[in-house]
Amino acid sequence: MSPAATGAAPGRRAPRGAARTRDEVLDVPFGAGRSGEAPLTWGQRAIWHAIGRTAPNDHYFNLGRVLPLADRGVPVDTERLCTAIGSLMSRHEALRTRVVDTGGEPAQQLHAAGRVELVVRDEPDPEQAGRTAAGLLAELSGRRFGYAREWPVRLGAVRSDGRITHAVLALCHLAADGHAAEVLERDLRLLVRRGQAGPACAQTPLDLARHQHGPAGRRTSEASLAHWERGLALVPPTMFAQRAAEPLRPRFWTGRLVSAALPRAVDAVASAHGVSGSTVLLTAAAALVAAGQGHRAAAVMPIAGNRAAEGQRTLVSTLSQDALFVLELPEDPSGKAVFTDVLAGAWPAALAGYRAAAYDPVAWDALLERAARERGTEVHPYCCFNDMRLVDRAAAAVPAPCVQELAELRRRTVLDFPATQERVACRYCLHLTGDAAELTVTLTADTAYLPPDAIHAHLRGIEEVVVASAAGAPPPLSGLAGLLAGPEAGR
């Protein structure tokens, strides 16, 4: 599908196959004017490296959003949605950018105009439209992108009785991170409802790449990598050095804990100790990893949004990169130190890591290779933390929940294994989603290092550490390993 400038109405194709008679595929034209080529930004390069380590299962990195359009406002028909999509593609250069190989080096190519497919699925029962949209999103995001030949967005819609009920966006992580996906969802809603979405972000991925590969960018990268070098010298070469079992097939299992107790407990602990809720959970995870592996210090790589710079809040690109958080556990010969004792030091350590999370991934690879030569073994934490909730701020002062309330909320906790996959380029990947009512914590881990029972034990341990701390009985650091001792640990 080669880009071509056109102002024609969306083109209609025949429905896709006998098994897809409900789907209509439309070609939506777009045009914006600017084209160009540049190296990958640091965020793009970081994802490109991760894609290479994860392929052919790199659809793992795809992002998705479902946008309800029947909830309010005037009815939306196909023509109105196509017009909005064309404007969205024109507005955000990331959506018109492909990654190509230029003599062995990846580069981004921005196209001035083209056409993008919209898959429209008819659903006769409006009560089922949401479920149909979720199924369509799973189909669009469940396969890898063709990075050099395909636009980094797949678009879908659900139509019931001639009215569009939902729009669906499946996004390549080279074009958008979680924050950018929210920007796209907001902009598409405004374009559908109002026909405009306000001023577009002045900065673009192309311009950002040229800045990062210039002198100022190199200075920023060098300062960030100096923080990494200092931090890595304080911790073991990796958090998970010894295999614990024969790996299962599929090798990587995702455990999931859904807790109504955690949001209340996190807010209470964060408020009491003057830190953010995300720092409470990051510290709990790091302390358990250290205890479980017998380390005196833990290195965790939280995902940093890198959107503090002026003009980047609404930039659609992938800016997120790994930060480095180092948690050093105190000397504790008496065994009296408790979890909440480490929060005061964890807060500045987390901030320092986030401030040093923008760097050239090629130089980062070179740093790890040099450290491996010096230490005689591979150096990499293989321990990730991703708080996917959009806003993280210090919790407002709230009354501490009572023990009975927390116990009652914990009875509703659900623990399961929703997914498995064959390849992920890490050994411990913790993800947080949810809101004030319920927090979902998922841990995708390599079963050679964390068998299924250990995955669930870490999830239960996080809930136990935070809830016990909120109830006024923070667990002793010397007892954290015990929370991971067996399949019923933490209960």
Protein backbone atom coordinates (compact mmCIF):
# COMPACT_ATOMS: atom_id res chain seq x y z
CA MET A 1 0.00 0.00 0.00
CA SER A 2 2.03 2.94 -1.26
CA PRO A 3 1.22 6.45 -0.03
CA ALA A 4 -0.59 8.63 -2.54
CA ALA A 5 -1.96 12.13 -2.12
CA THR A 6 -5.67 12.29 -2.78
CA GLY A 7 -8.64 14.31 -1.73
CA ALA A 8 -11.18 11.71 -2.75
CA ALA A 9 -13.81 10.28 -0.44
CA PRO A 10 -12.93 7.09 1.45
CA GLY A 11 -12.76 4.14 -0.93
CA ARG A 12 -14.89 1.08 -0.29
CA ARG A 13 -13.74 -2.47 -0.78
CA ALA A 14 -15.56 -5.74 -0.82
CA PRO A 15 -16.05 -7.41 2.58
CA ARG A 16 -13.11 -9.49 3.75
CA GLY A 17 -13.65 -13.19 3.07
CA ALA A 18 -16.55 -15.49 3.77
CA ALA A 19 -15.70 -15.59 7.48
CA ARG A 20 -15.79 -11.79 7.64
CA THR A 21 -18.94 -10.86 5.79
CA ARG A 22 -19.72 -8.31 8.51
CA ASP A 23 -16.49 -6.36 7.88
CA GLU A 24 -16.24 -3.48 5.44
CA VAL A 25 -12.73 -2.16 4.76
CA LEU A 26 -12.45 1.51 3.82
CA ASP A 27 -9.43 3.40 2.49
CA VAL A 28 -9.21 6.73 4.33
CA PRO A 29 -7.06 9.37 2.59
CA PHE A 30 -4.93 11.85 4.46
CA GLY A 31 -2.48 14.60 3.52
CA ALA A 32 -0.31 16.90 5.58
CA GLY A 33 2.48 18.30 3.44
CA ARG A 34 5.76 17.54 5.22
CA SER A 35 8.02 14.56 4.61
CA GLY A 36 11.54 13.73 5.70
CA GLU A 37 13.98 11.23 7.14
CA ALA A 38 15.97 11.11 10.39
CA PRO A 39 17.57 8.59 12.74
CA LEU A 40 15.34 6.98 15.34
CA THR A 41 14.70 8.92 18.52
CA TRP A 42 16.10 7.40 21.70
CA GLY A 43 12.66 6.12 22.65
CA GLN A 44 12.13 4.58 19.23
CA ARG A 45 15.57 3.00 19.29
CA ALA A 46 14.91 1.50 22.74
CA ILE A 47 11.70 -0.12 21.49
CA TRP A 48 13.42 -1.19 18.26
CA HIS A 49 16.03 -3.07 20.29
CA ALA A 50 13.31 -4.68 22.42
CA ILE A 51 11.42 -5.68 19.28
CA GLY A 52 14.54 -7.35 17.93
CA ARG A 53 14.97 -9.33 21.15
CA THR A 54 11.31 -10.38 21.24
CA ALA A 55 10.50 -11.09 17.56
CA PRO A 56 8.50 -12.86 16.26
CA ASN A 57 6.38 -12.26 19.38
CA ASP A 58 6.87 -8.50 19.21
CA HIS A 59 3.12 -7.88 19.04
CA TYR A 60 3.63 -7.99 22.84
CA PHE A 61 4.54 -4.27 22.61
CA ASN A 62 1.42 -3.16 20.70
CA LEU A 63 -0.93 -0.74 22.44
CA GLY A 64 -4.69 -0.54 22.01
CA ARG A 65 -7.56 1.78 22.80
CA VAL A 66 -11.33 1.49 22.38
CA LEU A 67 -13.18 4.80 22.13
CA PRO A 68 -16.97 4.67 22.81
CA LEU A 69 -18.83 7.05 20.51
CA ALA A 70 -22.47 6.23 21.25
CA ASP A 71 -22.35 7.49 24.83
CA ARG A 72 -23.16 11.13 24.11
CA GLY A 73 -23.30 13.75 21.38
CA VAL A 74 -24.74 13.56 17.89
CA PRO A 75 -24.81 10.16 16.16
CA VAL A 76 -21.57 9.33 14.36
CA ASP A 77 -21.76 7.83 10.90
CA THR A 78 -18.97 6.29 8.85
CA GLU A 79 -18.29 9.45 6.86
CA ARG A 80 -17.87 11.55 10.01
CA LEU A 81 -15.46 9.01 11.50
CA CYS A 82 -13.41 8.82 8.30
CA THR A 83 -13.07 12.60 8.20
CA ALA A 84 -11.84 12.58 11.81
CA ILE A 85 -9.35 9.79 11.11
CA GLY A 86 -7.95 11.65 8.12
CA SER A 87 -7.44 14.70 10.32
CA LEU A 88 -5.82 12.60 13.04
CA MET A 89 -3.34 11.12 10.56
CA SER A 90 -2.51 14.58 9.23
CA ARG A 91 -2.19 16.08 12.72
CA HIS A 92 0.34 13.61 14.15
CA GLU A 93 3.50 12.88 12.16
CA ALA A 94 4.19 9.72 14.17
CA LEU A 95 1.22 8.04 12.50
CA ARG A 96 2.68 8.77 9.05
CA THR A 97 6.15 7.46 9.89
CA ARG A 98 7.65 4.09 8.99
CA VAL A 99 10.90 2.53 10.16
CA VAL A 100 13.19 1.41 7.36
CA ASP A 101 16.68 -0.08 7.09
CA THR A 102 19.19 2.37 5.60
CA GLY A 103 22.39 0.46 5.07
CA GLY A 104 22.16 -1.53 8.29
CA GLU A 105 20.90 1.33 10.46
CA PRO A 106 17.20 1.87 11.20
CA ALA A 107 15.76 5.26 10.27
CA GLN A 108 12.35 6.89 10.41
CA GLN A 109 10.71 8.02 7.18
CA LEU A 110 7.92 10.59 7.40
CA HIS A 111 5.40 10.53 4.54
CA ALA A 112 3.45 13.59 3.46
CA ALA A 113 0.26 11.80 2.45
CA GLY A 114 -1.32 8.44 1.92
CA ARG A 115 -4.27 6.21 2.74
CA VAL A 116 -4.99 4.15 5.84
CA GLU A 117 -7.39 1.24 6.23
CA LEU A 118 -10.44 1.37 8.47
CA VAL A 119 -12.07 -1.97 9.30
CA VAL A 120 -15.79 -1.46 10.02
CA ARG A 121 -17.53 -4.37 11.75
CA ASP A 122 -21.31 -4.44 11.88
CA GLU A 123 -22.94 -5.58 15.10
CA PRO A 124 -26.72 -6.00 14.91
CA ASP A 125 -27.14 -6.10 18.69
CA PRO A 126 -26.19 -2.71 20.21
CA GLU A 127 -25.88 -4.36 23.63
CA GLN A 128 -22.99 -6.41 22.26
CA ALA A 129 -21.17 -3.52 20.57
CA GLY A 130 -18.64 -3.08 23.38
CA ARG A 131 -17.74 -6.75 23.35
CA THR A 132 -17.43 -6.68 19.56
CA ALA A 133 -15.11 -3.68 19.79
CA ALA A 134 -12.92 -5.50 22.31
CA GLY A 135 -12.73 -8.48 19.98
CA LEU A 136 -11.82 -6.29 17.03
CA LEU A 137 -9.08 -4.62 19.06
CA ALA A 138 -7.67 -8.03 20.01
CA GLU A 139 -7.51 -8.98 16.33
CA LEU A 140 -5.89 -5.72 15.20
CA SER A 141 -3.32 -5.60 18.00
CA GLY A 142 -2.63 -9.34 18.18
CA ARG A 143 -0.21 -9.49 15.26
CA ARG A 144 3.12 -7.80 14.67
CA PHE A 145 3.41 -4.69 12.51
CA GLY A 146 5.23 -4.57 9.20
CA TYR A 147 7.45 -1.71 10.29
CA ALA A 148 8.80 -0.71 6.86
CA ARG A 149 5.62 -1.20 4.83
CA GLU A 150 2.72 -0.53 7.21
CA TRP A 151 1.48 2.59 8.95
CA PRO A 152 2.04 2.25 12.71
CA VAL A 153 -1.67 2.36 13.47
CA ARG A 154 -4.51 -0.03 12.66
CA LEU A 155 -7.99 1.41 12.82
CA GLY A 156 -11.34 -0.21 13.35
CA ALA A 157 -14.92 0.68 14.15
CA VAL A 158 -18.10 -1.04 15.26
CA ARG A 159 -21.32 -0.03 13.55
CA SER A 160 -24.83 -0.81 14.75
CA ASP A 161 -27.89 0.19 12.75
CA GLY A 162 -25.82 2.59 10.67
CA ARG A 163 -24.30 4.35 13.69
CA ILE A 164 -20.68 4.05 14.79
CA THR A 165 -20.68 2.94 18.42
CA HIS A 166 -16.94 2.49 18.96
CA ALA A 167 -13.65 3.42 17.32
CA VAL A 168 -10.67 1.11 17.78
CA LEU A 169 -6.97 2.03 17.63
CA ALA A 170 -4.16 -0.55 17.62
CA LEU A 171 -0.82 1.23 17.86
CA CYS A 172 2.74 0.24 17.15
CA HIS A 173 4.95 1.11 20.11
CA LEU A 174 7.44 2.77 17.73
CA ALA A 175 4.84 5.48 17.17
CA ALA A 176 3.29 5.87 20.61
CA ASP A 177 3.77 5.10 24.27
CA GLY A 178 0.95 4.90 26.80
CA HIS A 179 0.70 8.66 27.25
CA ALA A 180 0.69 9.25 23.49
CA ALA A 181 -2.09 6.68 23.13
CA GLU A 182 -4.20 8.75 25.52
CA VAL A 183 -3.45 11.89 23.49
CA LEU A 184 -4.62 10.12 20.33
CA GLU A 185 -7.79 8.89 22.01
CA ARG A 186 -8.59 12.40 23.23
CA ASP A 187 -7.83 14.00 19.87
CA LEU A 188 -9.93 11.49 17.94
CA ARG A 189 -12.87 12.09 20.27
CA LEU A 190 -12.59 15.87 19.77
CA LEU A 191 -12.21 15.53 16.00
CA VAL A 192 -15.30 13.34 15.82
CA ARG A 193 -17.40 15.54 18.11
CA ARG A 194 -16.19 19.03 17.18
CA GLY A 195 -14.24 18.68 13.97
CA GLN A 196 -11.09 20.16 15.58
CA ALA A 197 -8.80 19.38 18.51
CA GLY A 198 -7.01 22.65 19.18
CA PRO A 199 -3.37 23.46 18.39
CA ALA A 200 -1.18 20.48 17.59
CA CYS A 201 2.06 19.85 19.48
CA ALA A 202 4.80 22.01 17.98
CA GLN A 203 7.50 19.38 18.48
CA THR A 204 7.64 16.31 16.25
CA PRO A 205 9.49 12.97 16.39
CA LEU A 206 11.59 14.01 13.38
CA ASP A 207 12.76 17.21 15.05
CA LEU A 208 13.33 15.44 18.36
CA ALA A 209 15.55 12.83 16.68
CA ARG A 210 17.69 15.52 15.08
CA HIS A 211 18.09 17.25 18.46
CA GLN A 212 18.97 14.05 20.31
CA HIS A 213 21.64 13.13 17.77
CA GLY A 214 23.22 16.59 18.03
CA PRO A 215 25.69 17.97 20.61
CA ALA A 216 23.07 18.94 23.21
CA GLY A 217 21.49 15.50 23.02
CA ARG A 218 24.82 13.76 23.46
CA ARG A 219 25.53 15.80 26.61
CA THR A 220 22.16 14.81 28.08
CA SER A 221 22.79 11.16 27.28
CA GLU A 222 26.25 11.18 28.85
CA ALA A 223 24.93 12.69 32.09
CA SER A 224 22.14 10.08 32.30
CA LEU A 225 24.50 7.18 31.63
CA ALA A 226 26.83 8.38 34.37
CA HIS A 227 23.93 7.81 36.79
CA TRP A 228 23.50 4.29 35.40
CA GLU A 229 27.19 3.53 35.78
CA ARG A 230 27.20 4.63 39.42
CA GLY A 231 24.03 2.71 40.22
CA LEU A 232 24.98 -0.55 38.55
CA ALA A 233 28.23 -0.60 40.52
CA LEU A 234 26.17 -0.83 43.74
CA VAL A 235 24.13 -3.91 42.85
CA PRO A 236 24.66 -7.51 41.74
CA PRO A 237 25.15 -7.98 37.98
CA THR A 238 21.57 -9.22 37.67
CA MET A 239 18.64 -9.67 39.98
CA PHE A 240 17.96 -13.23 38.82
CA ALA A 241 21.20 -15.10 38.36
CA GLN A 242 20.31 -18.70 39.22
CA ARG A 243 17.69 -20.78 37.48
CA ALA A 244 15.10 -22.13 39.88
CA ALA A 245 13.45 -24.73 37.64
CA GLU A 246 13.21 -26.11 34.15
CA PRO A 247 11.38 -23.52 32.02
CA LEU A 248 7.81 -24.31 31.09
CA ARG A 249 6.35 -24.14 27.60
CA PRO A 250 5.30 -21.46 26.90
CA ARG A 251 8.22 -20.12 28.91
CA PHE A 252 6.82 -16.79 30.13
CA TRP A 253 3.75 -16.73 32.38
CA THR A 254 1.74 -13.69 33.41
CA GLY A 255 0.29 -13.71 36.89
CA ARG A 256 -2.39 -11.19 37.80
CA LEU A 257 -3.59 -9.84 41.13
CA VAL A 258 -6.71 -7.66 41.24
CA SER A 259 -7.03 -5.97 44.61
CA ALA A 260 -9.51 -3.52 46.09
CA ALA A 261 -7.37 -3.29 49.23
CA LEU A 262 -4.24 -2.02 47.49
CA PRO A 263 -5.51 1.42 46.36
CA ARG A 264 -6.62 2.32 49.91
CA ALA A 265 -3.44 0.91 51.42
CA VAL A 266 -1.11 2.56 48.91
CA ASP A 267 -2.68 5.98 49.46
CA ALA A 268 -2.44 5.62 53.22
CA VAL A 269 1.23 4.59 53.19
CA ALA A 270 2.15 7.26 50.63
CA SER A 271 0.41 9.98 52.63
CA ALA A 272 1.97 8.91 55.90
CA HIS A 273 5.51 8.91 54.50
CA GLY A 274 5.35 11.82 52.04
CA VAL A 275 6.04 9.81 48.90
CA SER A 276 4.06 8.90 45.80
CA GLY A 277 1.91 5.82 45.55
CA SER A 278 3.98 4.58 42.65
CA THR A 279 7.12 4.79 44.83
CA VAL A 280 5.43 2.70 47.52
CA LEU A 281 4.71 -0.08 45.03
CA LEU A 282 8.11 0.20 43.32
CA THR A 283 9.86 -0.07 46.69
CA ALA A 284 7.74 -3.02 47.80
CA ALA A 285 8.53 -4.88 44.57
CA ALA A 286 12.26 -4.09 44.81
CA ALA A 287 12.49 -5.12 48.46
CA LEU A 288 10.81 -8.45 47.73
CA VAL A 289 13.09 -9.11 44.75
CA ALA A 290 16.14 -8.41 46.90
CA ALA A 291 14.89 -10.60 49.72
CA GLY A 292 13.83 -13.43 47.45
CA GLN A 293 17.17 -13.53 45.68
CA GLY A 294 19.32 -12.93 48.76
CA HIS A 295 20.61 -9.51 47.67
CA ARG A 296 21.47 -6.55 49.91
CA ALA A 297 20.52 -4.15 47.12
CA ALA A 298 18.07 -4.30 44.25
CA ALA A 299 18.12 -2.72 40.82
CA VAL A 300 14.74 -2.23 39.15
CA MET A 301 14.11 -0.53 35.82
CA PRO A 302 10.89 1.52 36.04
CA ILE A 303 9.53 2.87 32.78
CA ALA A 304 9.93 6.66 32.68
CA GLY A 305 7.56 8.77 30.59
CA ASN A 306 10.21 11.45 29.83
CA ARG A 307 7.59 14.17 29.33
CA ALA A 308 8.81 16.79 31.78
CA ALA A 309 10.36 18.93 29.03
CA GLU A 310 8.40 21.91 27.77
CA GLY A 311 6.30 21.10 24.73
CA GLN A 312 6.33 17.32 25.06
CA ARG A 313 3.15 16.71 27.04
CA THR A 314 1.06 16.26 23.89
CA LEU A 315 3.77 14.91 21.60
CA VAL A 316 2.66 11.67 19.97
CA SER A 317 5.78 9.56 19.94
CA THR A 318 7.37 6.94 22.13
CA LEU A 319 9.39 8.89 24.68
CA SER A 320 9.39 6.31 27.47
CA GLN A 321 12.66 4.60 28.38
CA ASP A 322 14.00 2.49 31.22
CA ALA A 323 15.11 4.35 34.34
CA LEU A 324 17.33 2.85 37.03
CA PHE A 325 16.07 2.61 40.62
CA VAL A 326 18.53 1.27 43.18
CA LEU A 327 17.21 0.22 46.59
CA GLU A 328 19.92 -0.40 49.18
CA LEU A 329 18.64 -2.29 52.21
CA PRO A 330 20.07 -1.11 55.56
CA GLU A 331 22.43 -3.05 57.75
CA ASP A 332 20.05 -4.68 60.25
CA PRO A 333 21.84 -7.04 62.67
CA SER A 334 18.99 -6.76 65.18
CA GLY A 335 16.31 -7.58 62.62
CA LYS A 336 14.23 -4.60 63.75
CA ALA A 337 14.16 -2.62 60.46
CA VAL A 338 10.75 -2.63 58.78
CA PHE A 339 9.59 -1.95 55.24
CA THR A 340 8.50 1.65 55.83
CA ASP A 341 12.01 2.53 57.07
CA VAL A 342 13.32 2.45 53.49
CA LEU A 343 10.67 4.73 51.96
CA ALA A 344 12.41 7.99 52.89
CA GLY A 345 15.48 7.01 50.88
CA ALA A 346 13.51 5.35 48.10
CA TRP A 347 11.76 8.57 47.11
CA PRO A 348 14.91 10.56 46.11
CA ALA A 349 16.40 7.42 44.56
CA ALA A 350 13.36 7.05 42.34
CA LEU A 351 13.42 10.72 41.35
CA ALA A 352 17.12 10.51 40.49
CA GLY A 353 16.42 7.49 38.30
CA TYR A 354 13.57 9.19 36.45
CA ARG A 355 15.70 12.29 35.83
CA ALA A 356 18.35 10.10 34.17
CA ALA A 357 16.00 8.12 31.94
CA ALA A 358 16.65 9.91 28.62
CA TYR A 359 19.75 8.56 26.87
CA ASP A 360 21.02 7.00 23.67
CA PRO A 361 20.28 3.24 23.81
CA VAL A 362 23.34 2.51 21.66
CA ALA A 363 25.57 4.17 24.28
CA TRP A 364 23.60 2.32 27.00
CA ASP A 365 24.36 -1.01 25.32
CA ALA A 366 28.04 -0.05 25.19
CA LEU A 367 27.96 0.80 28.91
CA LEU A 368 26.55 -2.63 29.79
CA GLU A 369 29.09 -4.37 27.56
CA ARG A 370 31.94 -2.49 29.24
CA ALA A 371 30.55 -3.35 32.70
CA ALA A 372 30.31 -7.02 31.68
CA ARG A 373 33.95 -7.06 30.63
CA GLU A 374 35.03 -5.46 33.88
CA ARG A 375 32.95 -7.80 36.08
CA GLY A 376 33.43 -10.94 34.03
CA THR A 377 29.71 -11.64 33.65
CA GLU A 378 26.62 -10.20 31.98
CA VAL A 379 25.36 -7.02 33.62
CA HIS A 380 21.63 -6.33 33.30
CA PRO A 381 18.96 -6.11 36.05
CA TYR A 382 16.33 -8.02 34.01
CA CYS A 383 13.78 -6.55 36.42
CA CYS A 384 11.21 -4.04 35.11
CA PHE A 385 8.40 -1.97 36.64
CA ASN A 386 5.75 -0.17 34.60
CA ASP A 387 3.15 1.97 36.32
CA MET A 388 0.71 2.50 33.47
CA ARG A 389 -1.58 4.82 35.40
CA LEU A 390 -1.29 8.24 33.76
CA VAL A 391 -0.95 10.50 36.78
CA ASP A 392 1.25 9.88 39.77
CA ARG A 393 1.36 12.52 42.48
CA ALA A 394 1.97 12.48 46.20
CA ALA A 395 -1.17 11.15 47.83
CA ALA A 396 -3.46 13.58 49.60
CA ALA A 397 -3.79 13.17 53.35
CA VAL A 398 -6.39 10.49 54.00
CA PRO A 399 -7.43 8.68 57.16
CA ALA A 400 -5.62 5.39 57.56
CA PRO A 401 -7.98 2.52 56.75
CA CYS A 402 -8.83 0.32 59.68
CA VAL A 403 -7.64 -3.26 59.91
CA GLN A 404 -11.16 -4.64 59.50
CA GLU A 405 -11.78 -2.61 56.35
CA LEU A 406 -8.55 -3.80 54.74
CA ALA A 407 -9.25 -7.40 55.71
CA GLU A 408 -12.68 -7.21 54.16
CA LEU A 409 -11.31 -5.69 50.94
CA ARG A 410 -8.61 -8.37 50.73
CA ARG A 411 -11.24 -11.09 50.72
CA ARG A 412 -12.19 -9.81 47.28
CA THR A 413 -8.66 -10.13 45.86
CA VAL A 414 -8.45 -12.26 42.71
CA LEU A 415 -5.28 -14.04 41.66
CA ASP A 416 -4.90 -15.88 38.36
CA PHE A 417 -2.76 -16.52 35.28
CA PRO A 418 -4.42 -14.76 32.33
CA ALA A 419 -1.71 -15.27 29.70
CA THR A 420 1.44 -17.09 28.61
CA GLN A 421 3.88 -16.46 25.80
CA GLU A 422 7.04 -17.98 24.46
CA ARG A 423 9.43 -15.05 24.46
CA VAL A 424 9.90 -11.81 26.42
CA ALA A 425 13.24 -10.02 26.73
CA CYS A 426 13.17 -9.87 30.52
CA ARG A 427 12.84 -12.09 33.59
CA TYR A 428 10.54 -9.99 35.81
CA CYS A 429 8.13 -7.42 34.33
CA LEU A 430 5.63 -5.85 36.73
CA HIS A 431 2.75 -3.76 35.34
CA LEU A 432 0.24 -1.61 37.25
CA THR A 433 -3.16 -0.49 36.01
CA GLY A 434 -6.37 0.55 37.72
CA ASP A 435 -7.93 3.38 39.67
CA ALA A 436 -8.96 4.37 43.18
CA ALA A 437 -11.39 1.46 43.42
CA GLU A 438 -9.21 -1.41 42.26
CA LEU A 439 -5.58 -1.98 41.36
CA THR A 440 -4.43 -4.64 38.91
CA VAL A 441 -0.86 -5.85 39.26
CA THR A 442 0.48 -8.24 36.62
CA LEU A 443 3.84 -9.96 36.69
CA THR A 444 5.20 -11.54 33.52
CA ALA A 445 8.20 -13.67 34.39
CA ASP A 446 10.58 -16.26 33.00
CA THR A 447 9.53 -19.56 34.57
CA ALA A 448 13.17 -20.71 34.61
CA TYR A 449 13.81 -18.07 37.28
CA LEU A 450 10.33 -17.56 38.76
CA PRO A 451 8.09 -20.63 38.47
CA PRO A 452 4.30 -20.04 38.61
CA ASP A 453 4.11 -20.42 42.39
CA ALA A 454 6.86 -17.83 42.78
CA ILE A 455 5.08 -15.42 40.43
CA HIS A 456 1.93 -15.56 42.55
CA ALA A 457 3.99 -15.34 45.76
CA HIS A 458 5.56 -12.06 44.59
CA LEU A 459 2.13 -10.63 43.78
CA ARG A 460 0.69 -11.71 47.12
CA GLY A 461 3.81 -10.38 48.82
CA ILE A 462 3.36 -6.91 47.33
CA GLU A 463 -0.21 -6.79 48.60
CA GLU A 464 0.80 -8.08 52.03
CA VAL A 465 3.69 -5.62 52.45
CA VAL A 466 1.61 -2.57 51.52
CA VAL A 467 -1.60 -3.58 53.30
CA ALA A 468 0.23 -4.54 56.50
CA SER A 469 2.09 -1.22 56.43
CA ALA A 470 -1.18 0.68 56.01
CA ALA A 471 -2.64 -1.24 58.95
CA GLY A 472 0.20 -0.08 61.18
CA ALA A 473 2.21 -3.31 61.17
CA PRO A 474 4.88 -2.95 58.46
CA PRO A 475 6.67 -6.27 57.99
CA PRO A 476 10.29 -6.54 59.09
CA LEU A 477 12.79 -6.54 56.24
CA SER A 478 14.24 -9.74 57.65
CA GLY A 479 10.88 -11.42 57.15
CA LEU A 480 10.28 -10.49 53.51
CA ALA A 481 11.83 -13.69 52.17
CA GLY A 482 9.29 -15.61 54.23
CA LEU A 483 6.45 -13.96 52.31
CA LEU A 484 7.77 -15.67 49.18
CA ALA A 485 8.31 -19.07 50.78
CA GLY A 486 5.40 -20.97 49.30
CA PRO A 487 2.25 -20.92 47.19
CA GLU A 488 0.14 -19.72 50.13
CA ALA A 489 2.64 -17.11 51.30
CA GLY A 490 1.28 -13.70 52.19
CA ARG A 491 -2.10 -15.01 53.29
